Amino acid sequence: LSVCQQAMIAYASYSQHWPEFHSTSEVNIIDVEHYLRDTYAEIEYFARFAMSLQPFAQLPKDQKWLLFRNFWPGFFELDRCFRTCKVLGYDINDERTVCSDGTIMNPLGDVIRLDTVSDLNEEQVRKLLKPSHDLFRELVTYPFKRLMPNEFELLYMVISCMFNVKNIPGVTKETIEVAEQVKCRLAEDVHSYYTYELRKPNYASRLHKMSSIVSAVDKLQERRKEDSQLSRMFNIFKQDVFMSELF
């Protein structure tokens, strides 16, 4: 099986834990503890997905850990965008998000249980996080909704994030070679998909847009690290809400 075929099978299995549309429910609050629990649960699924891809599973343990730490936030962001769009559509003015348990969360809602993670009030926390939130919308959410990717295109972006390894400290030459091989095979899969399955040989524009989203996800990963460091420096959060031990 090609890496894309492996990913499609793994994603189909992973997708089974997502609720059907009729099982969703909207809330006008942001429950901080609920959001953190939901994210940690997702990370477990991401790990199973990654281990279903042979090129990743065959890496040494230390290399798997380095790659996983680097790629899971991107997977989380892309997958959450994809799931949200499937339920709520592609309106770029709709800022609601669908969580893995079916909860539709409105970022403009009231924040509850914030005191469990920070001594700052809601307005102060929103002000601190707003620049990163706005950057994410501009670089990822809006382009994603305009592109309206299908599942194959989503997984192309996910695999690209996973094997975008050159700037990861500690990655070995052997791992870089594996990543390059995967990306070469991925390019072949993409060409075959558009040319033979979709009968759309002129796919350069969509490929460029997907590559731009992948680059943006990588950029936002660096921003996430900066936010985490700032949080620790000034004791903004009492808990590791950025999950910095995992990236």
C-alpha atoms as a PDB file:
ATOM      1  CA  LEU A   1       0.000   0.000   0.000  1.00  0.00           C
ATOM      2  CA  SER A   2       1.141   3.537  -0.693  1.00  0.00           C
ATOM      3  CA  VAL A   3       1.548   5.938   2.222  1.00  0.00           C
ATOM      4  CA  CYS A   4      -1.668   7.697   1.143  1.00  0.00           C
ATOM      5  CA  GLN A   5      -3.577   4.423   1.090  1.00  0.00           C
ATOM      6  CA  GLN A   6      -2.248   3.575   4.554  1.00  0.00           C
ATOM      7  CA  ALA A   7      -3.323   7.026   5.734  1.00  0.00           C
ATOM      8  CA  MET A   8      -6.813   6.664   4.242  1.00  0.00           C
ATOM      9  CA  ILE A   9      -7.336   3.347   6.040  1.00  0.00           C
ATOM     10  CA  ALA A  10      -5.964   4.720   9.323  1.00  0.00           C
ATOM     11  CA  TYR A  11      -8.079   7.862   9.060  1.00  0.00           C
ATOM     12  CA  ALA A  12     -11.229   5.838   8.405  1.00  0.00           C
ATOM     13  CA  SER A  13     -10.565   3.939  11.636  1.00  0.00           C
ATOM     14  CA  TYR A  14      -9.720   7.134  13.509  1.00  0.00           C
ATOM     15  CA  SER A  15     -12.866   8.856  12.214  1.00  0.00           C
ATOM     16  CA  GLN A  16     -15.145   6.312  13.862  1.00  0.00           C
ATOM     17  CA  HIS A  17     -14.855   8.079  17.206  1.00  0.00           C
ATOM     18  CA  TRP A  18     -16.237  11.319  15.769  1.00  0.00           C
ATOM     19  CA  PRO A  19     -19.982  11.778  16.341  1.00  0.00           C
ATOM     20  CA  GLU A  20     -22.523  11.930  13.533  1.00  0.00           C
ATOM     21  CA  PHE A  21     -24.004  15.302  12.642  1.00  0.00           C
ATOM     22  CA  HIS A  22     -27.247  14.601  14.513  1.00  0.00           C
ATOM     23  CA  SER A  23     -25.232  13.935  17.688  1.00  0.00           C
ATOM     24  CA  THR A  24     -23.748  17.433  17.881  1.00  0.00           C
ATOM     25  CA  SER A  25     -24.925  20.070  20.344  1.00  0.00           C
ATOM     26  CA  GLU A  26     -24.007  23.743  20.568  1.00  0.00           C
ATOM     27  CA  VAL A  27     -22.961  25.499  23.760  1.00  0.00           C
ATOM     28  CA  ASN A  28     -22.397  29.201  24.396  1.00  0.00           C
ATOM     29  CA  ILE A  29     -19.659  28.660  26.932  1.00  0.00           C
ATOM     30  CA  ILE A  30     -16.002  27.736  26.720  1.00  0.00           C
ATOM     31  CA  ASP A  31     -15.209  25.130  29.348  1.00  0.00           C
ATOM     32  CA  VAL A  32     -11.427  25.214  29.712  1.00  0.00           C
ATOM     33  CA  GLU A  33     -11.178  21.817  31.394  1.00  0.00           C
ATOM     34  CA  HIS A  34     -13.442  20.232  28.768  1.00  0.00           C
ATOM     35  CA  TYR A  35     -11.276  21.661  25.984  1.00  0.00           C
ATOM     36  CA  LEU A  36      -8.067  20.312  27.532  1.00  0.00           C
ATOM     37  CA  ARG A  37      -9.583  16.853  28.083  1.00  0.00           C
ATOM     38  CA  ASP A  38     -10.826  16.813  24.502  1.00  0.00           C
ATOM     39  CA  THR A  39      -7.388  17.725  23.174  1.00  0.00           C
ATOM     40  CA  TYR A  40      -5.566  15.063  25.196  1.00  0.00           C
ATOM     41  CA  ALA A  41      -8.054  12.451  23.982  1.00  0.00           C
ATOM     42  CA  GLU A  42      -7.386  13.511  20.399  1.00  0.00           C
ATOM     43  CA  ILE A  43      -3.627  13.167  20.865  1.00  0.00           C
ATOM     44  CA  GLU A  44      -4.077   9.476  21.688  1.00  0.00           C
ATOM     45  CA  TYR A  45      -5.921   8.983  18.407  1.00  0.00           C
ATOM     46  CA  PHE A  46      -3.214  10.882  16.531  1.00  0.00           C
ATOM     47  CA  ALA A  47      -0.594   8.517  17.949  1.00  0.00           C
ATOM     48  CA  ARG A  48      -2.544   5.479  16.734  1.00  0.00           C
ATOM     49  CA  PHE A  49      -2.931   7.078  13.319  1.00  0.00           C
ATOM     50  CA  ALA A  50       0.799   7.780  13.078  1.00  0.00           C
ATOM     51  CA  MET A  51       1.711   4.215  14.062  1.00  0.00           C
ATOM     52  CA  SER A  52      -0.512   2.948  11.234  1.00  0.00           C
ATOM     53  CA  LEU A  53       1.849   4.523   8.689  1.00  0.00           C
ATOM     54  CA  GLN A  54       4.699   2.138   7.973  1.00  0.00           C
ATOM     55  CA  PRO A  55       7.426   4.747   7.298  1.00  0.00           C
ATOM     56  CA  PHE A  56       6.696   6.327  10.692  1.00  0.00           C
ATOM     57  CA  ALA A  57       6.227   3.082  12.635  1.00  0.00           C
ATOM     58  CA  GLN A  58       9.600   1.731  11.468  1.00  0.00           C
ATOM     59  CA  LEU A  59      11.569   4.702  12.787  1.00  0.00           C
ATOM     60  CA  PRO A  60      13.573   4.318  16.026  1.00  0.00           C
ATOM     61  CA  LYS A  61      11.601   5.261  19.144  1.00  0.00           C
ATOM     62  CA  ASP A  62      13.464   8.495  19.761  1.00  0.00           C
ATOM     63  CA  GLN A  63      12.896   9.619  16.170  1.00  0.00           C
ATOM     64  CA  LYS A  64       9.193   8.743  16.312  1.00  0.00           C
ATOM     65  CA  TRP A  65       8.853  10.876  19.422  1.00  0.00           C
ATOM     66  CA  LEU A  66      10.593  13.856  17.796  1.00  0.00           C
ATOM     67  CA  LEU A  67       8.373  13.671  14.731  1.00  0.00           C
ATOM     68  CA  PHE A  68       5.193  13.145  16.726  1.00  0.00           C
ATOM     69  CA  ARG A  69       5.861  16.111  19.004  1.00  0.00           C
ATOM     70  CA  ASN A  70       6.375  18.274  15.958  1.00  0.00           C
ATOM     71  CA  PHE A  71       3.394  17.153  13.911  1.00  0.00           C
ATOM     72  CA  TRP A  72       0.481  16.508  16.270  1.00  0.00           C
ATOM     73  CA  PRO A  73      -0.510  20.197  16.697  1.00  0.00           C
ATOM     74  CA  GLY A  74      -0.736  20.509  12.919  1.00  0.00           C
ATOM     75  CA  PHE A  75      -2.832  17.351  12.687  1.00  0.00           C
ATOM     76  CA  PHE A  76      -5.079  18.687  15.439  1.00  0.00           C
ATOM     77  CA  GLU A  77      -5.579  22.025  13.682  1.00  0.00           C
ATOM     78  CA  LEU A  78      -6.159  20.584  10.206  1.00  0.00           C
ATOM     79  CA  ASP A  79      -8.429  17.789  11.386  1.00  0.00           C
ATOM     80  CA  ARG A  80     -10.470  20.142  13.565  1.00  0.00           C
ATOM     81  CA  CYS A  81     -10.930  22.475  10.588  1.00  0.00           C
ATOM     82  CA  PHE A  82     -11.985  19.558   8.391  1.00  0.00           C
ATOM     83  CA  ARG A  83     -14.473  18.161  10.918  1.00  0.00           C
ATOM     84  CA  THR A  84     -15.893  21.586  11.675  1.00  0.00           C
ATOM     85  CA  CYS A  85     -16.442  22.333   7.984  1.00  0.00           C
ATOM     86  CA  LYS A  86     -18.178  18.985   7.445  1.00  0.00           C
ATOM     87  CA  VAL A  87     -20.709  19.865  10.142  1.00  0.00           C
ATOM     88  CA  LEU A  88     -21.006  23.658   9.887  1.00  0.00           C
ATOM     89  CA  GLY A  89     -19.961  24.446   6.320  1.00  0.00           C
ATOM     90  CA  TYR A  90     -17.338  26.789   4.903  1.00  0.00           C
ATOM     91  CA  ASP A  91     -18.475  30.253   5.983  1.00  0.00           C
ATOM     92  CA  ILE A  92     -15.280  32.112   6.926  1.00  0.00           C
ATOM     93  CA  ASN A  93     -17.273  34.367   9.255  1.00  0.00           C
ATOM     94  CA  ASP A  94     -18.409  31.379  11.324  1.00  0.00           C
ATOM     95  CA  GLU A  95     -15.854  30.973  14.114  1.00  0.00           C
ATOM     96  CA  ARG A  96     -17.510  28.034  15.845  1.00  0.00           C
ATOM     97  CA  THR A  97     -15.543  24.822  16.331  1.00  0.00           C
ATOM     98  CA  VAL A  98     -16.722  21.217  16.560  1.00  0.00           C
ATOM     99  CA  CYS A  99     -15.041  19.187  19.315  1.00  0.00           C
ATOM    100  CA  SER A 100     -14.487  15.444  19.072  1.00  0.00           C
ATOM    101  CA  ASP A 101     -17.353  14.689  21.478  1.00  0.00           C
ATOM    102  CA  GLY A 102     -19.816  16.557  19.267  1.00  0.00           C
ATOM    103  CA  THR A 103     -19.852  19.797  21.237  1.00  0.00           C
ATOM    104  CA  ILE A 104     -20.017  22.873  19.014  1.00  0.00           C
ATOM    105  CA  MET A 105     -18.040  25.566  20.804  1.00  0.00           C
ATOM    106  CA  ASN A 106     -18.415  29.282  20.138  1.00  0.00           C
ATOM    107  CA  PRO A 107     -15.176  31.181  20.862  1.00  0.00           C
ATOM    108  CA  LEU A 108     -17.247  34.260  21.687  1.00  0.00           C
ATOM    109  CA  GLY A 109     -19.005  32.425  24.512  1.00  0.00           C
ATOM    110  CA  ASP A 110     -18.357  32.936  28.203  1.00  0.00           C
ATOM    111  CA  VAL A 111     -15.319  31.136  29.586  1.00  0.00           C
ATOM    112  CA  ILE A 112     -15.922  28.945  32.624  1.00  0.00           C
ATOM    113  CA  ARG A 113     -13.484  27.297  35.032  1.00  0.00           C
ATOM    114  CA  LEU A 114     -10.758  29.667  33.860  1.00  0.00           C
ATOM    115  CA  ASP A 115      -9.656  30.028  37.483  1.00  0.00           C
ATOM    116  CA  THR A 116      -8.423  26.423  37.403  1.00  0.00           C
ATOM    117  CA  VAL A 117      -5.719  27.342  34.887  1.00  0.00           C
ATOM    118  CA  SER A 118      -5.036  31.065  35.391  1.00  0.00           C
ATOM    119  CA  ASP A 119      -5.261  33.877  37.923  1.00  0.00           C
ATOM    120  CA  LEU A 120      -6.020  36.349  35.129  1.00  0.00           C
ATOM    121  CA  ASN A 121      -9.570  37.245  34.184  1.00  0.00           C
ATOM    122  CA  GLU A 122     -11.245  36.338  30.894  1.00  0.00           C
ATOM    123  CA  GLU A 123     -10.591  39.701  29.247  1.00  0.00           C
ATOM    124  CA  GLN A 124      -6.880  39.572  30.078  1.00  0.00           C
ATOM    125  CA  VAL A 125      -6.472  36.024  28.769  1.00  0.00           C
ATOM    126  CA  ARG A 126      -8.356  36.811  25.560  1.00  0.00           C
ATOM    127  CA  LYS A 127      -6.135  39.841  24.989  1.00  0.00           C
ATOM    128  CA  LEU A 128      -2.986  37.749  25.435  1.00  0.00           C
ATOM    129  CA  LEU A 129      -4.137  34.986  23.079  1.00  0.00           C
ATOM    130  CA  LYS A 130      -5.804  37.190  20.458  1.00  0.00           C
ATOM    131  CA  PRO A 131      -2.707  37.744  18.250  1.00  0.00           C
ATOM    132  CA  SER A 132      -2.131  33.988  17.886  1.00  0.00           C
ATOM    133  CA  HIS A 133      -5.832  33.318  17.375  1.00  0.00           C
ATOM    134  CA  ASP A 134      -6.051  35.969  14.651  1.00  0.00           C
ATOM    135  CA  LEU A 135      -2.915  34.624  12.975  1.00  0.00           C
ATOM    136  CA  PHE A 136      -4.359  31.110  12.944  1.00  0.00           C
ATOM    137  CA  ARG A 137      -7.582  32.289  11.339  1.00  0.00           C
ATOM    138  CA  GLU A 138      -5.741  34.307   8.699  1.00  0.00           C
ATOM    139  CA  LEU A 139      -3.136  31.677   7.791  1.00  0.00           C
ATOM    140  CA  VAL A 140      -5.038  28.412   8.258  1.00  0.00           C
ATOM    141  CA  THR A 141      -8.794  28.680   8.836  1.00  0.00           C
ATOM    142  CA  TYR A 142      -9.636  31.099   6.033  1.00  0.00           C
ATOM    143  CA  PRO A 143      -7.435  29.428   3.361  1.00  0.00           C
ATOM    144  CA  PHE A 144      -8.731  26.005   4.461  1.00  0.00           C
ATOM    145  CA  LYS A 145     -12.370  27.039   4.116  1.00  0.00           C
ATOM    146  CA  ARG A 146     -11.741  28.655   0.741  1.00  0.00           C
ATOM    147  CA  LEU A 147      -9.956  25.536  -0.511  1.00  0.00           C
ATOM    148  CA  MET A 148     -12.700  23.164   0.740  1.00  0.00           C
ATOM    149  CA  PRO A 149     -10.364  20.127   0.695  1.00  0.00           C
ATOM    150  CA  ASN A 150     -11.617  16.574   0.465  1.00  0.00           C
ATOM    151  CA  GLU A 151     -10.313  13.770   2.672  1.00  0.00           C
ATOM    152  CA  PHE A 152      -7.448  12.862   0.338  1.00  0.00           C
ATOM    153  CA  GLU A 153      -6.262  16.476   0.293  1.00  0.00           C
ATOM    154  CA  LEU A 154      -6.552  16.715   4.071  1.00  0.00           C
ATOM    155  CA  LEU A 155      -4.345  13.649   4.437  1.00  0.00           C
ATOM    156  CA  TYR A 156      -1.855  15.019   1.926  1.00  0.00           C
ATOM    157  CA  MET A 157      -1.440  18.031   4.219  1.00  0.00           C
ATOM    158  CA  VAL A 158      -1.273  15.866   7.350  1.00  0.00           C
ATOM    159  CA  ILE A 159       1.428  13.590   5.903  1.00  0.00           C
ATOM    160  CA  SER A 160       3.344  16.624   4.665  1.00  0.00           C
ATOM    161  CA  CYS A 161       3.298  18.038   8.206  1.00  0.00           C
ATOM    162  CA  MET A 162       4.389  14.693   9.650  1.00  0.00           C
ATOM    163  CA  PHE A 163       7.449  14.358   7.427  1.00  0.00           C
ATOM    164  CA  ASN A 164       8.452  18.017   7.387  1.00  0.00           C
ATOM    165  CA  VAL A 165      11.486  17.168   9.502  1.00  0.00           C
ATOM    166  CA  LYS A 166      14.515  19.178   8.394  1.00  0.00           C
ATOM    167  CA  ASN A 167      14.210  21.844  11.082  1.00  0.00           C
ATOM    168  CA  ILE A 168      13.538  19.460  13.977  1.00  0.00           C
ATOM    169  CA  PRO A 169      16.509  19.345  16.396  1.00  0.00           C
ATOM    170  CA  GLY A 170      17.839  15.822  16.942  1.00  0.00           C
ATOM    171  CA  VAL A 171      16.498  14.283  13.749  1.00  0.00           C
ATOM    172  CA  THR A 172      19.061  11.936  12.217  1.00  0.00           C
ATOM    173  CA  LYS A 173      20.282  11.803   8.646  1.00  0.00           C
ATOM    174  CA  GLU A 174      18.525   8.449   8.237  1.00  0.00           C
ATOM    175  CA  THR A 175      15.185   9.934   9.321  1.00  0.00           C
ATOM    176  CA  ILE A 176      15.606  12.828   6.904  1.00  0.00           C
ATOM    177  CA  GLU A 177      16.214  10.320   4.113  1.00  0.00           C
ATOM    178  CA  VAL A 178      13.050   8.405   5.047  1.00  0.00           C
ATOM    179  CA  ALA A 179      11.105  11.672   5.056  1.00  0.00           C
ATOM    180  CA  GLU A 180      12.407  12.591   1.605  1.00  0.00           C
ATOM    181  CA  GLN A 181      11.404   9.175   0.270  1.00  0.00           C
ATOM    182  CA  VAL A 182       7.918   9.579   1.718  1.00  0.00           C
ATOM    183  CA  LYS A 183       7.529  13.029   0.170  1.00  0.00           C
ATOM    184  CA  CYS A 184       8.632  11.718  -3.225  1.00  0.00           C
ATOM    185  CA  ARG A 185       6.088   8.897  -3.051  1.00  0.00           C
ATOM    186  CA  LEU A 186       3.489  11.357  -1.808  1.00  0.00           C
ATOM    187  CA  ALA A 187       4.068  13.544  -4.862  1.00  0.00           C
ATOM    188  CA  GLU A 188       3.527  10.512  -7.094  1.00  0.00           C
ATOM    189  CA  ASP A 189       0.318   9.621  -5.242  1.00  0.00           C
ATOM    190  CA  VAL A 190      -0.984  13.168  -5.621  1.00  0.00           C
ATOM    191  CA  HIS A 191      -0.213  13.194  -9.338  1.00  0.00           C
ATOM    192  CA  SER A 192      -1.990   9.877  -9.863  1.00  0.00           C
ATOM    193  CA  TYR A 193      -4.969  10.980  -7.790  1.00  0.00           C
ATOM    194  CA  TYR A 194      -5.607  14.191  -9.709  1.00  0.00           C
ATOM    195  CA  THR A 195      -4.649  12.874 -13.136  1.00  0.00           C
ATOM    196  CA  TYR A 196      -6.301   9.468 -13.148  1.00  0.00           C
ATOM    197  CA  GLU A 197      -8.965   9.474 -10.426  1.00  0.00           C
ATOM    198  CA  LEU A 198     -10.278  13.027 -10.670  1.00  0.00           C
ATOM    199  CA  ARG A 199      -9.270  13.573 -14.303  1.00  0.00           C
ATOM    200  CA  LYS A 200      -7.905  16.987 -13.334  1.00  0.00           C
ATOM    201  CA  PRO A 201      -4.290  17.108 -14.536  1.00  0.00           C
ATOM    202  CA  ASN A 202      -4.145  20.869 -13.959  1.00  0.00           C
ATOM    203  CA  TYR A 203      -3.929  20.669 -10.168  1.00  0.00           C
ATOM    204  CA  ALA A 204      -0.990  23.021  -9.591  1.00  0.00           C
ATOM    205  CA  SER A 205      -3.150  25.733  -8.035  1.00  0.00           C
ATOM    206  CA  ARG A 206      -4.689  23.421  -5.412  1.00  0.00           C
ATOM    207  CA  LEU A 207      -1.305  21.900  -4.632  1.00  0.00           C
ATOM    208  CA  HIS A 208       0.144  25.376  -4.092  1.00  0.00           C
ATOM    209  CA  LYS A 209      -2.707  26.296  -1.740  1.00  0.00           C
ATOM    210  CA  MET A 210      -2.271  23.083   0.255  1.00  0.00           C
ATOM    211  CA  SER A 211       1.481  23.644   0.505  1.00  0.00           C
ATOM    212  CA  SER A 212       0.832  27.173   1.768  1.00  0.00           C
ATOM    213  CA  ILE A 213      -1.434  25.821   4.505  1.00  0.00           C
ATOM    214  CA  VAL A 214       1.229  23.274   5.506  1.00  0.00           C
ATOM    215  CA  SER A 215       3.821  26.066   5.717  1.00  0.00           C
ATOM    216  CA  ALA A 216       1.419  28.143   7.804  1.00  0.00           C
ATOM    217  CA  VAL A 217       0.868  25.254  10.216  1.00  0.00           C
ATOM    218  CA  ASP A 218       4.640  24.993  10.635  1.00  0.00           C
ATOM    219  CA  LYS A 219       4.876  28.728  11.283  1.00  0.00           C
ATOM    220  CA  LEU A 220       2.106  28.566  13.864  1.00  0.00           C
ATOM    221  CA  GLN A 221       3.928  25.754  15.645  1.00  0.00           C
ATOM    222  CA  GLU A 222       6.778  28.184  16.285  1.00  0.00           C
ATOM    223  CA  ARG A 223       4.299  30.790  17.481  1.00  0.00           C
ATOM    224  CA  ARG A 224       2.786  28.231  19.854  1.00  0.00           C
ATOM    225  CA  LYS A 225       6.219  27.587  21.344  1.00  0.00           C
ATOM    226  CA  GLU A 226       6.760  31.321  21.835  1.00  0.00           C
ATOM    227  CA  ASP A 227       3.387  31.664  23.568  1.00  0.00           C
ATOM    228  CA  SER A 228       4.237  28.722  25.818  1.00  0.00           C
ATOM    229  CA  GLN A 229       7.595  30.224  26.773  1.00  0.00           C
ATOM    230  CA  LEU A 230       5.964  33.583  27.476  1.00  0.00           C
ATOM    231  CA  SER A 231       3.345  31.890  29.628  1.00  0.00           C
ATOM    232  CA  ARG A 232       5.990  30.136  31.726  1.00  0.00           C
ATOM    233  CA  MET A 233       8.103  33.256  32.027  1.00  0.00           C
ATOM    234  CA  PHE A 234       5.276  35.355  33.462  1.00  0.00           C
ATOM    235  CA  ASN A 235       3.295  32.557  35.161  1.00  0.00           C
ATOM    236  CA  ILE A 236       0.216  33.359  33.088  1.00  0.00           C
ATOM    237  CA  PHE A 237      -1.238  29.868  33.428  1.00  0.00           C
ATOM    238  CA  LYS A 238      -1.159  27.548  36.429  1.00  0.00           C
ATOM    239  CA  GLN A 239      -1.442  24.521  34.140  1.00  0.00           C
ATOM    240  CA  ASP A 240       0.396  23.729  30.928  1.00  0.00           C
ATOM    241  CA  VAL A 241      -2.502  24.681  28.646  1.00  0.00           C
ATOM    242  CA  PHE A 242      -0.124  24.722  25.672  1.00  0.00           C
ATOM    243  CA  MET A 243       0.862  21.111  26.387  1.00  0.00           C
ATOM    244  CA  SER A 244       4.493  22.096  25.889  1.00  0.00           C
ATOM    245  CA  GLU A 245       5.714  18.730  27.176  1.00  0.00           C
ATOM    246  CA  LEU A 246       4.229  17.296  23.985  1.00  0.00           C
ATOM    247  CA  PHE A 247       6.001  19.548  21.502  1.00  0.00           C
END
